[in-house]
Amino acid sequence: MTLNSLTQLTSDAAVAVDANVNIQLANGSYLTANNIRSAVQSLAASNVRPLVGDEFGGILHPFVVKDILNDTSFNGLTDILKRGGDADRAKLFGVPSNEQAISFSGCKFKQTTTAPSVTIAGNTFYNSYIYGDDALFSIFLGANEQGDKNYKLNIQTAPENGSVSDPSRMIGGWCSYNVRFTNTLPPGSTMRLRRLQSETSSS
């Protein structure tokens, strides 16, 4: 969660560098398929390369996913999906879950409850992010003298005969981790991500 927060804060800082990063919908508006198309094409118009393969990458809050699925506007998802059968539905959108990605309009989204919400003029808006290649740079801090890497998982088994604090040996073992991570925005004034802010019908 700490690493997630670092990435989010760095993404939000891009707004101060490039005004095109932030796309705030009007009060009472929910995210639609058209908003996604506009954000993706905005990145393409800035010559931003896709994140993986031919797709950009994004994150959405589950409440926002609900609004996109309920988008009944012309050429919205409901309008598109009703023209095909179940196979077409699965191919286009998949089954929304925390384990499955959602692909649409050149972007593959992951829904997650870690997508933050913010209060604007007394109203709750949810942030959705779309990333292109090199949108953020992660920094490798290098190995220390002991040769430790950026991420280290320590697993220790409890003594077979127990210990003073655990004479019955109810604790089998424990683990901890040590991670070194930070990130930053790329140089220049053209940022390679978009942040969409929208209210939801669930809030």
Protein backbone atom coordinates (compact mmCIF):
# COMPACT_ATOMS: atom_id res chain seq x y z
CA MET A 1 0.00 0.00 0.00
CA THR A 2 2.89 2.36 0.66
CA LEU A 3 4.32 1.74 -2.80
CA ASN A 4 0.86 2.20 -4.27
CA SER A 5 0.54 5.57 -2.53
CA LEU A 6 3.93 6.69 -3.84
CA THR A 7 2.86 5.87 -7.39
CA GLN A 8 -0.45 7.68 -6.95
CA LEU A 9 1.17 10.82 -5.53
CA THR A 10 3.70 10.93 -8.36
CA SER A 11 0.88 10.51 -10.89
CA ASP A 12 -1.08 13.34 -9.32
CA ALA A 13 2.01 15.57 -9.42
CA ALA A 14 1.96 15.32 -13.22
CA VAL A 15 -1.04 17.67 -13.26
CA ALA A 16 1.20 20.57 -12.21
CA VAL A 17 3.55 19.89 -15.12
CA ASP A 18 1.07 19.26 -17.94
CA ALA A 19 -2.46 20.70 -17.84
CA ASN A 20 -3.63 18.01 -20.28
CA VAL A 21 -3.16 15.33 -17.61
CA ASN A 22 -6.27 16.20 -15.60
CA ILE A 23 -9.71 15.61 -17.11
CA GLN A 24 -12.37 16.58 -14.60
CA LEU A 25 -15.94 15.77 -15.54
CA ALA A 26 -18.73 18.16 -14.70
CA ASN A 27 -20.55 17.86 -11.40
CA GLY A 28 -23.14 15.09 -11.65
CA SER A 29 -21.43 13.41 -14.63
CA TYR A 30 -20.29 9.78 -14.62
CA LEU A 31 -17.42 8.29 -16.60
CA THR A 32 -18.45 7.05 -20.05
CA ALA A 33 -16.92 5.14 -22.92
CA ASN A 34 -16.56 8.45 -24.77
CA ASN A 35 -14.46 9.89 -21.92
CA ILE A 36 -12.14 6.90 -22.16
CA ARG A 37 -11.81 7.28 -25.93
CA SER A 38 -11.01 10.98 -25.54
CA ALA A 39 -8.32 10.33 -22.93
CA VAL A 40 -6.70 7.54 -24.95
CA GLN A 41 -6.66 9.63 -28.11
CA SER A 42 -5.31 12.58 -26.16
CA LEU A 43 -2.30 10.44 -25.27
CA ALA A 44 -1.98 9.24 -28.86
CA ALA A 45 -2.09 12.86 -30.09
CA SER A 46 0.88 13.59 -27.80
CA ASN A 47 2.80 10.70 -29.41
CA VAL A 48 2.69 8.64 -26.22
CA ARG A 49 3.39 4.98 -26.85
CA PRO A 50 1.10 2.26 -25.44
CA LEU A 51 2.14 0.68 -22.18
CA VAL A 52 2.13 -3.00 -23.23
CA GLY A 53 1.68 -4.20 -26.78
CA ASP A 54 -0.91 -2.02 -28.45
CA GLU A 55 -2.76 -0.99 -25.29
CA PHE A 56 -2.42 1.69 -22.68
CA GLY A 57 -2.86 0.66 -19.04
CA GLY A 58 -5.34 2.05 -16.56
CA ILE A 59 -6.92 1.62 -13.14
CA LEU A 60 -10.55 2.20 -12.19
CA HIS A 61 -12.48 2.04 -8.94
CA PRO A 62 -15.25 -0.62 -8.95
CA PHE A 63 -17.86 2.14 -8.58
CA VAL A 64 -16.55 3.73 -11.78
CA VAL A 65 -16.63 0.37 -13.57
CA LYS A 66 -20.31 0.14 -12.67
CA ASP A 67 -21.00 3.51 -14.29
CA ILE A 68 -19.16 2.55 -17.48
CA LEU A 69 -21.11 -0.71 -17.70
CA ASN A 70 -24.34 1.27 -17.20
CA ASP A 71 -23.42 3.83 -19.86
CA THR A 72 -26.46 3.85 -22.17
CA SER A 73 -25.36 6.67 -24.46
CA PHE A 74 -24.93 6.18 -28.21
CA ASN A 75 -21.77 4.13 -28.80
CA GLY A 76 -21.51 3.54 -25.06
CA LEU A 77 -20.67 0.07 -23.82
CA THR A 78 -24.28 -1.01 -23.41
CA ASP A 79 -25.01 0.19 -26.95
CA ILE A 80 -22.01 -1.73 -28.30
CA LEU A 81 -22.57 -4.92 -26.32
CA LYS A 82 -26.25 -5.30 -27.17
CA ARG A 83 -25.33 -5.82 -30.83
CA GLY A 84 -23.35 -9.01 -30.13
CA GLY A 85 -23.76 -12.31 -28.36
CA ASP A 86 -22.16 -13.62 -25.21
CA ALA A 87 -18.90 -14.43 -26.99
CA ASP A 88 -18.59 -10.85 -28.19
CA ARG A 89 -19.31 -9.55 -24.71
CA ALA A 90 -16.58 -11.68 -23.17
CA LYS A 91 -14.09 -10.75 -25.85
CA LEU A 92 -14.72 -7.02 -25.54
CA PHE A 93 -15.08 -6.60 -21.82
CA GLY A 94 -14.61 -9.78 -19.87
CA VAL A 95 -16.15 -10.37 -16.47
CA PRO A 96 -15.26 -7.50 -14.13
CA SER A 97 -13.38 -8.80 -11.11
CA ASN A 98 -10.35 -7.97 -9.06
CA GLU A 99 -8.40 -10.64 -10.95
CA GLN A 100 -9.43 -9.79 -14.48
CA ALA A 101 -8.54 -6.86 -16.69
CA ILE A 102 -11.05 -4.88 -18.73
CA SER A 103 -10.02 -3.95 -22.29
CA PHE A 104 -11.72 -1.17 -24.18
CA SER A 105 -10.78 1.46 -26.75
CA GLY A 106 -7.09 0.66 -26.75
CA CYS A 107 -6.69 0.53 -22.98
CA LYS A 108 -6.54 -2.39 -20.55
CA PHE A 109 -7.97 -1.46 -17.16
CA LYS A 110 -7.62 -3.07 -13.77
CA GLN A 111 -10.32 -2.35 -11.23
CA THR A 112 -9.07 -1.76 -7.72
CA THR A 113 -10.36 -0.22 -4.54
CA THR A 114 -7.03 1.57 -4.18
CA ALA A 115 -8.09 4.05 -6.89
CA PRO A 116 -8.46 7.15 -4.70
CA SER A 117 -11.35 9.52 -4.21
CA VAL A 118 -11.07 13.26 -3.67
CA THR A 119 -13.48 15.94 -2.49
CA ILE A 120 -14.05 18.80 -4.93
CA ALA A 121 -16.49 21.56 -3.99
CA GLY A 122 -18.10 19.26 -1.45
CA ASN A 123 -18.60 16.41 -3.94
CA THR A 124 -16.78 13.07 -4.05
CA PHE A 125 -14.87 12.40 -7.26
CA TYR A 126 -13.00 9.17 -8.06
CA ASN A 127 -9.68 9.27 -9.86
CA SER A 128 -9.15 6.95 -12.82
CA TYR A 129 -5.71 6.77 -14.41
CA ILE A 130 -4.54 5.87 -17.91
CA TYR A 131 -0.81 5.30 -18.42
CA GLY A 132 1.38 5.19 -21.48
CA ASP A 133 4.91 3.84 -21.82
CA ASP A 134 7.40 5.58 -19.51
CA ALA A 135 4.63 7.49 -17.76
CA LEU A 136 6.60 7.11 -14.53
CA PHE A 137 10.22 6.23 -13.95
CA SER A 138 10.97 3.88 -11.07
CA ILE A 139 14.42 4.32 -9.58
CA PHE A 140 16.73 1.44 -8.74
CA LEU A 141 18.66 2.34 -5.61
CA GLY A 142 21.31 -0.29 -6.13
CA ALA A 143 22.56 -3.18 -4.04
CA ASN A 144 24.21 -2.51 -0.71
CA GLU A 145 27.49 -3.98 0.49
CA GLN A 146 25.75 -7.22 1.46
CA GLY A 147 24.41 -7.57 -2.09
CA ASP A 148 20.75 -7.16 -1.12
CA LYS A 149 18.40 -6.41 -3.97
CA ASN A 150 15.55 -3.89 -4.16
CA TYR A 151 13.12 -6.43 -2.71
CA LYS A 152 14.02 -8.98 -0.09
CA LEU A 153 11.67 -11.39 1.66
CA ASN A 154 12.84 -12.80 4.97
CA ILE A 155 11.28 -16.09 6.12
CA GLN A 156 12.21 -17.57 9.47
CA THR A 157 11.01 -20.79 11.07
CA ALA A 158 10.35 -20.85 14.80
CA PRO A 159 12.68 -22.99 16.97
CA GLU A 160 11.63 -26.64 17.02
CA ASN A 161 11.57 -26.74 20.80
CA GLY A 162 9.64 -23.50 21.12
CA SER A 163 10.87 -20.41 22.90
CA VAL A 164 10.30 -18.50 26.12
CA SER A 165 7.63 -16.40 24.44
CA ASP A 166 6.08 -19.42 22.66
CA PRO A 167 6.74 -22.57 24.78
CA SER A 168 3.95 -24.55 23.10
CA ARG A 169 5.29 -23.62 19.66
CA MET A 170 1.97 -22.29 18.43
CA ILE A 171 3.81 -20.00 16.03
CA GLY A 172 5.34 -21.92 13.17
CA GLY A 173 7.31 -19.03 11.75
CA TRP A 174 7.16 -15.50 10.47
CA CYS A 175 8.15 -13.42 7.51
CA SER A 176 9.12 -9.83 6.84
CA TYR A 177 10.24 -7.86 3.83
CA ASN A 178 12.63 -5.08 2.98
CA VAL A 179 11.94 -3.04 -0.14
CA ARG A 180 13.65 -0.08 -1.73
CA PHE A 181 11.52 1.82 -4.18
CA THR A 182 10.82 5.33 -5.39
CA ASN A 183 9.56 6.85 -8.63
CA THR A 184 9.54 10.14 -10.49
CA LEU A 185 8.01 11.83 -13.51
CA PRO A 186 9.86 11.78 -16.83
CA PRO A 187 11.68 14.93 -17.95
CA GLY A 188 9.98 17.49 -20.15
CA SER A 189 6.59 19.15 -20.09
CA THR A 190 4.59 16.47 -21.92
CA MET A 191 3.34 13.87 -19.48
CA ARG A 192 2.39 10.36 -20.57
CA LEU A 193 -0.66 9.75 -18.43
CA ARG A 194 -4.20 11.02 -17.97
CA ARG A 195 -6.23 11.35 -14.77
CA LEU A 196 -10.00 11.34 -15.13
CA GLN A 197 -12.03 12.61 -12.19
CA SER A 198 -15.69 11.70 -12.05
CA GLU A 199 -18.49 11.29 -9.58
CA THR A 200 -20.25 7.95 -9.44
CA SER A 201 -23.83 6.82 -9.06
CA SER A 202 -22.70 4.81 -6.03
CA SER A 203 -21.38 7.73 -4.01
